Amino acid sequence: MSKEERFDGILLAMARQHEGGVPELFDTLFSFLIRKTDFFTGAAPGVARKLLLDKFRKYEDMSYAERKKKDLEKEEAERKRKERIARKQKEEQEKMQVEDDNRVTELTDEEAAELQKEIEEKARIKESENDESVKINGEEESDKKPDDEEEDEADKGKLKPNTGNGCDLPNYKWTQTLSEIELKVPIPANFKVKARDLVVNLEKKHLKVGLKGHTPIIDGELEHAIKVEDSCWIMEDSKTIGITLEKVNKVEWWNKLVLTDPEINTRKVNPEPSKLSDLDTETRGMVEKMMYDQRQKEMGLPTSDEQQKQDVLKKFMQAHPEMDFSKCKFS
């Protein structure tokens, strides 16, 4: 403990007993000096005042110096913080620039329609060529086999989708589009049910539906993940629960709702025709990328992923001219 700190405990205890603060504390100190010492009268007039002011200026200067030091440290910390933020922003901008350079150009509605038309035309030509190749001695083979004869071995035993491309089950039925699932759950109760009587838990990979205090109607792991924040449920009437599940993957058909359900044959799904402009931004981007890659493959050109790899490699080679790539084999 330093010399200055040895009386801190006593002085702190004194200060706490002075509800009037520093002025009251000073009154106590000067009262002590005048009553118990010759501080004011032991020397020539003005000496006590000078001593008091000298000590005051000493500690005042120390206080200002300490505060200035803390202000400088605070300013330095703020400067470093701003430098870090600026450096991070610059890195993010450079990263976004690289991503923009490698991103597939989004098609307009007119370009997308033209591309789709071109792909459909090539598909019709290819189908026509296949029809010609099955002719034997100038006669075509018999008409296509019925659906049940066309099924692969792996599809045997699977249910045929309902009209909504889903499945009608004893306790509920569901339909689907590429982007969402629509579920209807009848409530097995002989009384009027309200929303507060229900248990409906929507999780990313789990669904639970039922009446409070009863065995759940549905309680199982979903076939695929859903976006919980974009999914919802309502009481359509006092006997039916309507649930909308937003798919995470919007380019695939579900073959069952929960893992314990029987499987449907997704090859027999009959989707309604739609335009690219009807799709949300995320799904449209995925479809356009697939269409772009398909057209590139048909023309013998690299897909978007392959082109991105080539661009990254090209930039690396340009950044390192001192390296010899002539004997390298790239896959």
Protein backbone atom coordinates (compact mmCIF):
# COMPACT_ATOMS: atom_id res chain seq x y z
CA MET A 1 0.00 0.00 0.00
CA SER A 2 1.42 3.41 -0.98
CA LYS A 3 1.85 6.32 1.40
CA GLU A 4 -1.04 8.18 -0.21
CA GLU A 5 -3.41 5.21 0.18
CA ARG A 6 -2.87 4.36 3.87
CA PHE A 7 -5.63 6.69 5.13
CA ASP A 8 -8.12 5.90 2.32
CA GLY A 9 -10.25 3.70 4.55
CA ILE A 10 -10.58 6.33 7.27
CA LEU A 11 -11.25 9.18 4.84
CA LEU A 12 -13.77 7.13 2.86
CA ALA A 13 -15.65 6.29 6.05
CA MET A 14 -15.68 9.99 6.94
CA ALA A 15 -16.94 11.02 3.50
CA ARG A 16 -19.82 8.52 3.68
CA GLN A 17 -21.06 10.11 6.92
CA HIS A 18 -21.36 13.57 5.32
CA GLU A 19 -24.71 13.68 3.57
CA GLY A 20 -23.97 17.23 2.44
CA GLY A 21 -21.10 16.01 0.27
CA VAL A 22 -17.73 17.73 -0.18
CA PRO A 23 -18.76 21.15 1.28
CA GLU A 24 -19.83 19.47 4.52
CA LEU A 25 -16.63 17.38 4.56
CA PHE A 26 -14.54 20.56 4.17
CA ASP A 27 -16.42 22.15 7.06
CA THR A 28 -15.43 19.21 9.27
CA LEU A 29 -11.75 19.33 8.19
CA PHE A 30 -11.33 23.10 8.66
CA SER A 31 -13.27 22.98 11.92
CA PHE A 32 -10.81 20.35 13.14
CA LEU A 33 -7.81 22.49 12.07
CA ILE A 34 -9.09 25.61 13.81
CA ARG A 35 -10.14 23.79 16.99
CA LYS A 36 -7.31 21.33 17.45
CA THR A 37 -4.31 22.93 15.63
CA ASP A 38 -2.67 26.30 15.02
CA PHE A 39 -2.95 25.89 11.24
CA PHE A 40 -4.51 29.32 10.74
CA THR A 41 -2.58 31.23 13.46
CA GLY A 42 0.76 29.44 13.74
CA ALA A 43 2.44 31.38 10.94
CA ALA A 44 2.31 34.79 9.33
CA PRO A 45 -0.98 35.88 7.79
CA GLY A 46 -1.52 34.40 4.33
CA VAL A 47 0.85 31.43 4.79
CA ALA A 48 -1.96 28.98 5.50
CA ARG A 49 -3.89 30.22 2.44
CA LYS A 50 -0.77 29.85 0.21
CA LEU A 51 -0.10 26.32 1.51
CA LEU A 52 -3.69 25.35 0.85
CA LEU A 53 -3.69 26.76 -2.70
CA ASP A 54 -0.33 25.14 -3.55
CA LYS A 55 -1.62 21.71 -2.58
CA PHE A 56 -4.88 22.34 -4.43
CA ARG A 57 -3.06 23.31 -7.67
CA LYS A 58 -0.78 20.25 -7.38
CA TYR A 59 -3.67 17.78 -7.31
CA GLU A 60 -5.73 19.80 -9.78
CA ASP A 61 -2.89 19.53 -12.31
CA MET A 62 -2.58 15.80 -11.62
CA SER A 63 -6.34 15.40 -12.20
CA TYR A 64 -6.24 17.30 -15.52
CA ALA A 65 -3.26 15.24 -16.69
CA GLU A 66 -5.02 11.97 -15.84
CA ARG A 67 -8.20 13.04 -17.59
CA LYS A 68 -6.24 14.11 -20.70
CA LYS A 69 -4.48 10.73 -20.73
CA LYS A 70 -7.82 8.88 -20.60
CA ASP A 71 -9.26 11.11 -23.35
CA LEU A 72 -6.28 10.32 -25.59
CA GLU A 73 -6.64 6.58 -24.92
CA LYS A 74 -10.35 6.81 -25.73
CA GLU A 75 -9.64 8.67 -28.99
CA GLU A 76 -7.03 6.10 -29.96
CA ALA A 77 -9.42 3.22 -29.29
CA GLU A 78 -12.13 4.96 -31.37
CA ARG A 79 -9.66 5.52 -34.23
CA LYS A 80 -8.68 1.85 -34.24
CA ARG A 81 -12.35 0.82 -34.14
CA LYS A 82 -13.14 2.99 -37.19
CA GLU A 83 -10.10 1.56 -39.00
CA ARG A 84 -11.34 -1.98 -38.34
CA ILE A 85 -14.82 -1.10 -39.62
CA ALA A 86 -13.40 0.55 -42.74
CA ARG A 87 -11.12 -2.42 -43.40
CA LYS A 88 -14.00 -4.87 -42.98
CA GLN A 89 -16.24 -2.81 -45.31
CA LYS A 90 -13.50 -2.76 -47.92
CA GLU A 91 -13.10 -6.55 -47.70
CA GLU A 92 -16.88 -7.02 -48.03
CA GLN A 93 -16.97 -4.75 -51.09
CA GLU A 94 -14.11 -6.66 -52.71
CA LYS A 95 -15.85 -9.94 -51.95
CA MET A 96 -19.14 -8.66 -53.43
CA GLN A 97 -17.28 -7.46 -56.52
CA VAL A 98 -15.83 -10.94 -57.07
CA GLU A 99 -19.28 -12.49 -56.60
CA ASP A 100 -20.80 -10.01 -59.06
CA ASP A 101 -18.13 -10.89 -61.62
CA ASN A 102 -18.89 -14.61 -61.25
CA ARG A 103 -22.69 -14.36 -61.06
CA VAL A 104 -24.79 -15.65 -63.97
CA THR A 105 -26.58 -12.71 -65.62
CA GLU A 106 -30.27 -12.73 -64.77
CA LEU A 107 -32.55 -13.09 -67.77
CA THR A 108 -35.40 -10.73 -68.51
CA ASP A 109 -38.90 -12.12 -68.93
CA GLU A 110 -38.57 -11.88 -72.72
CA GLU A 111 -35.14 -13.59 -72.76
CA ALA A 112 -36.34 -16.31 -70.41
CA ALA A 113 -39.42 -16.96 -72.57
CA GLU A 114 -37.25 -17.12 -75.71
CA LEU A 115 -34.82 -19.51 -74.00
CA GLN A 116 -37.65 -21.73 -72.79
CA LYS A 117 -39.15 -21.79 -76.28
CA GLU A 118 -35.79 -22.75 -77.78
CA ILE A 119 -35.32 -25.62 -75.31
CA GLU A 120 -38.88 -26.91 -75.93
CA GLU A 121 -38.29 -26.80 -79.69
CA LYS A 122 -35.10 -28.84 -79.38
CA ALA A 123 -36.91 -31.31 -77.12
CA ARG A 124 -39.68 -31.76 -79.74
CA ILE A 125 -37.08 -32.34 -82.48
CA LYS A 126 -35.29 -34.90 -80.33
CA GLU A 127 -38.59 -36.64 -79.51
CA SER A 128 -39.46 -36.74 -83.23
CA GLU A 129 -36.09 -38.33 -84.00
CA ASN A 130 -36.68 -40.94 -81.32
CA ASP A 131 -40.10 -41.73 -82.81
CA GLU A 132 -38.49 -42.27 -86.23
CA SER A 133 -35.86 -44.60 -84.75
CA VAL A 134 -38.49 -47.01 -83.36
CA LYS A 135 -40.06 -47.66 -86.74
CA ILE A 136 -39.55 -51.23 -87.90
CA ASN A 137 -40.02 -52.02 -91.64
CA GLY A 138 -41.94 -48.77 -92.10
CA GLU A 139 -44.36 -49.53 -89.27
CA GLU A 140 -44.32 -47.92 -85.85
CA GLU A 141 -44.47 -49.95 -82.68
CA SER A 142 -47.79 -50.18 -80.87
CA ASP A 143 -49.01 -47.31 -78.77
CA LYS A 144 -47.40 -46.60 -75.44
CA LYS A 145 -48.07 -49.02 -72.64
CA PRO A 146 -50.54 -48.07 -69.92
CA ASP A 147 -49.17 -46.30 -66.88
CA ASP A 148 -49.14 -49.44 -64.78
CA GLU A 149 -47.01 -51.26 -67.40
CA GLU A 150 -44.56 -48.33 -67.67
CA GLU A 151 -43.71 -48.29 -64.00
CA ASP A 152 -40.16 -49.13 -63.04
CA GLU A 153 -39.53 -51.82 -60.52
CA ALA A 154 -38.62 -49.14 -57.96
CA ASP A 155 -42.06 -47.46 -58.40
CA LYS A 156 -44.13 -50.56 -57.73
CA GLY A 157 -46.21 -50.26 -54.57
CA LYS A 158 -46.17 -46.46 -54.57
CA LEU A 159 -49.49 -44.58 -54.44
CA LYS A 160 -50.71 -42.49 -57.33
CA PRO A 161 -50.81 -38.77 -56.41
CA ASN A 162 -54.18 -37.15 -55.85
CA THR A 163 -55.35 -34.32 -58.11
CA GLY A 164 -53.26 -31.89 -56.07
CA ASN A 165 -50.08 -33.95 -56.49
CA GLY A 166 -50.24 -35.04 -52.86
CA CYS A 167 -51.98 -37.87 -51.01
CA ASP A 168 -55.38 -38.55 -49.41
CA LEU A 169 -54.85 -40.43 -46.13
CA PRO A 170 -57.39 -41.64 -43.54
CA ASN A 171 -56.66 -38.85 -41.03
CA TYR A 172 -55.65 -36.01 -43.34
CA LYS A 173 -54.87 -35.09 -46.93
CA TRP A 174 -52.23 -32.89 -48.51
CA THR A 175 -51.47 -31.31 -51.86
CA GLN A 176 -48.36 -29.58 -53.14
CA THR A 177 -46.78 -27.23 -55.62
CA LEU A 178 -43.06 -26.82 -56.10
CA SER A 179 -43.02 -24.08 -53.48
CA GLU A 180 -45.42 -25.20 -50.73
CA ILE A 181 -47.54 -27.92 -49.10
CA GLU A 182 -51.25 -27.44 -48.34
CA LEU A 183 -52.48 -29.72 -45.52
CA LYS A 184 -56.08 -30.33 -44.39
CA VAL A 185 -56.56 -32.07 -41.03
CA PRO A 186 -60.14 -32.92 -39.94
CA ILE A 187 -60.59 -32.76 -36.16
CA PRO A 188 -62.07 -35.97 -34.68
CA ALA A 189 -64.23 -34.39 -31.96
CA ASN A 190 -67.95 -34.33 -31.18
CA PHE A 191 -67.81 -30.76 -29.89
CA LYS A 192 -67.04 -27.37 -31.35
CA VAL A 193 -63.28 -26.92 -31.29
CA LYS A 194 -61.52 -23.56 -30.89
CA ALA A 195 -57.93 -22.65 -31.73
CA ARG A 196 -56.92 -22.70 -28.05
CA ASP A 197 -57.91 -26.40 -27.89
CA LEU A 198 -55.33 -27.35 -30.53
CA VAL A 199 -51.65 -28.26 -30.54
CA VAL A 200 -49.94 -27.22 -33.80
CA ASN A 201 -46.14 -27.21 -33.68
CA LEU A 202 -44.29 -26.33 -36.90
CA GLU A 203 -40.54 -27.02 -36.86
CA LYS A 204 -37.97 -27.13 -39.64
CA LYS A 205 -38.10 -30.95 -39.90
CA HIS A 206 -40.97 -31.93 -37.58
CA LEU A 207 -44.74 -31.51 -37.52
CA LYS A 208 -47.15 -32.11 -34.63
CA VAL A 209 -50.93 -31.58 -34.93
CA GLY A 210 -53.71 -32.64 -32.59
CA LEU A 211 -56.06 -31.84 -29.73
CA LYS A 212 -54.74 -30.94 -26.30
CA GLY A 213 -54.90 -33.95 -23.99
CA HIS A 214 -55.37 -36.41 -26.89
CA THR A 215 -53.04 -38.54 -29.01
CA PRO A 216 -51.64 -36.35 -31.83
CA ILE A 217 -53.16 -36.80 -35.29
CA ILE A 218 -49.72 -36.12 -36.83
CA ASP A 219 -46.45 -36.33 -34.91
CA GLY A 220 -43.45 -37.13 -37.07
CA GLU A 221 -40.37 -36.01 -38.95
CA LEU A 222 -41.10 -34.21 -42.22
CA GLU A 223 -39.79 -35.67 -45.48
CA HIS A 224 -37.94 -32.42 -46.25
CA ALA A 225 -37.17 -29.14 -44.48
CA ILE A 226 -39.61 -26.21 -44.37
CA LYS A 227 -39.26 -22.48 -43.73
CA VAL A 228 -40.95 -22.15 -40.35
CA GLU A 229 -41.11 -18.34 -40.50
CA ASP A 230 -43.08 -18.49 -43.80
CA SER A 231 -45.41 -21.34 -42.75
CA CYS A 232 -48.74 -20.89 -40.95
CA TRP A 233 -51.99 -22.55 -39.89
CA ILE A 234 -55.62 -21.49 -39.41
CA MET A 235 -58.95 -22.91 -38.24
CA GLU A 236 -60.90 -23.12 -41.49
CA ASP A 237 -64.00 -24.06 -39.52
CA SER A 238 -64.68 -25.73 -36.18
CA LYS A 239 -63.80 -29.13 -37.67
CA THR A 240 -60.80 -28.58 -39.96
CA ILE A 241 -57.26 -27.26 -39.56
CA GLY A 242 -55.62 -25.73 -42.63
CA ILE A 243 -51.80 -25.69 -42.66
CA THR A 244 -49.45 -24.16 -45.25
CA LEU A 245 -45.84 -25.35 -45.22
CA GLU A 246 -43.29 -23.33 -47.21
CA LYS A 247 -40.66 -25.58 -48.79
CA VAL A 248 -36.95 -24.83 -48.45
CA ASN A 249 -36.09 -26.67 -51.69
CA LYS A 250 -38.47 -25.36 -54.35
CA VAL A 251 -37.33 -27.57 -57.23
CA GLU A 252 -38.40 -30.98 -55.96
CA TRP A 253 -41.66 -32.85 -55.33
CA TRP A 254 -42.27 -34.47 -51.94
CA ASN A 255 -43.10 -38.19 -52.09
CA LYS A 256 -44.58 -38.15 -48.56
CA LEU A 257 -45.47 -35.64 -45.85
CA VAL A 258 -43.90 -37.34 -42.83
CA LEU A 259 -41.55 -40.32 -42.89
CA THR A 260 -44.23 -42.74 -41.61
CA ASP A 261 -46.61 -41.96 -44.51
CA PRO A 262 -46.95 -44.24 -47.56
CA GLU A 263 -44.92 -43.04 -50.55
CA ILE A 264 -46.45 -41.53 -53.68
CA ASN A 265 -45.03 -41.88 -57.20
CA THR A 266 -43.69 -38.41 -57.98
CA ARG A 267 -43.13 -39.45 -61.62
CA LYS A 268 -46.91 -39.21 -62.01
CA VAL A 269 -47.13 -35.69 -60.61
CA ASN A 270 -48.97 -33.40 -63.02
CA PRO A 271 -47.89 -29.81 -62.28
CA GLU A 272 -49.81 -26.86 -63.64
CA PRO A 273 -47.93 -24.89 -66.30
CA SER A 274 -46.37 -21.70 -64.99
CA LYS A 275 -44.29 -18.80 -66.22
CA LEU A 276 -40.91 -17.81 -64.88
CA SER A 277 -42.37 -14.42 -63.97
CA ASP A 278 -44.82 -16.19 -61.60
CA LEU A 279 -41.99 -17.62 -59.50
CA ASP A 280 -40.38 -15.93 -56.51
CA THR A 281 -36.90 -14.46 -56.95
CA GLU A 282 -35.04 -17.40 -55.38
CA THR A 283 -36.88 -20.12 -57.34
CA ARG A 284 -36.72 -18.17 -60.58
CA GLY A 285 -32.95 -17.78 -60.20
CA MET A 286 -32.54 -21.54 -59.70
CA VAL A 287 -34.72 -22.38 -62.71
CA GLU A 288 -32.93 -19.86 -64.95
CA LYS A 289 -29.57 -21.30 -63.88
CA MET A 290 -30.77 -24.83 -64.76
CA MET A 291 -32.03 -23.64 -68.14
CA TYR A 292 -28.79 -21.78 -68.82
CA ASP A 293 -26.69 -24.83 -67.90
CA GLN A 294 -28.85 -27.09 -70.09
CA ARG A 295 -28.41 -24.79 -73.08
CA GLN A 296 -24.64 -24.58 -72.47
CA LYS A 297 -24.36 -28.39 -72.38
CA GLU A 298 -26.34 -28.73 -75.62
CA MET A 299 -23.93 -26.32 -77.32
CA GLY A 300 -20.87 -28.04 -75.85
CA LEU A 301 -20.04 -25.02 -73.67
CA PRO A 302 -19.18 -24.90 -69.95
CA THR A 303 -21.97 -24.59 -67.39
CA SER A 304 -22.17 -21.64 -64.98
CA ASP A 305 -20.30 -23.58 -62.27
CA GLU A 306 -17.61 -24.67 -64.72
CA GLN A 307 -17.31 -21.13 -66.07
CA GLN A 308 -16.93 -19.79 -62.53
CA LYS A 309 -14.09 -22.24 -61.85
CA GLN A 310 -12.39 -21.22 -65.11
CA ASP A 311 -12.72 -17.52 -64.19
CA VAL A 312 -11.19 -18.11 -60.76
CA LEU A 313 -8.32 -20.07 -62.34
CA LYS A 314 -7.79 -17.36 -64.96
CA LYS A 315 -7.58 -14.65 -62.29
CA PHE A 316 -5.12 -16.74 -60.30
CA MET A 317 -2.91 -17.24 -63.35
CA GLN A 318 -3.02 -13.51 -64.10
CA ALA A 319 -2.10 -12.71 -60.50
CA HIS A 320 0.92 -15.06 -60.65
CA PRO A 321 2.67 -14.52 -64.00
CA GLU A 322 5.89 -15.85 -62.51
CA MET A 323 4.43 -19.38 -62.33
CA ASP A 324 4.57 -21.82 -65.26
CA PHE A 325 1.18 -23.43 -65.95
CA SER A 326 2.09 -24.94 -69.34
CA LYS A 327 2.51 -28.46 -67.97
CA CYS A 328 -0.51 -28.38 -65.67
CA LYS A 329 -3.57 -30.50 -66.41
CA PHE A 330 -6.88 -29.00 -65.33
CA SER A 331 -10.05 -31.05 -64.95
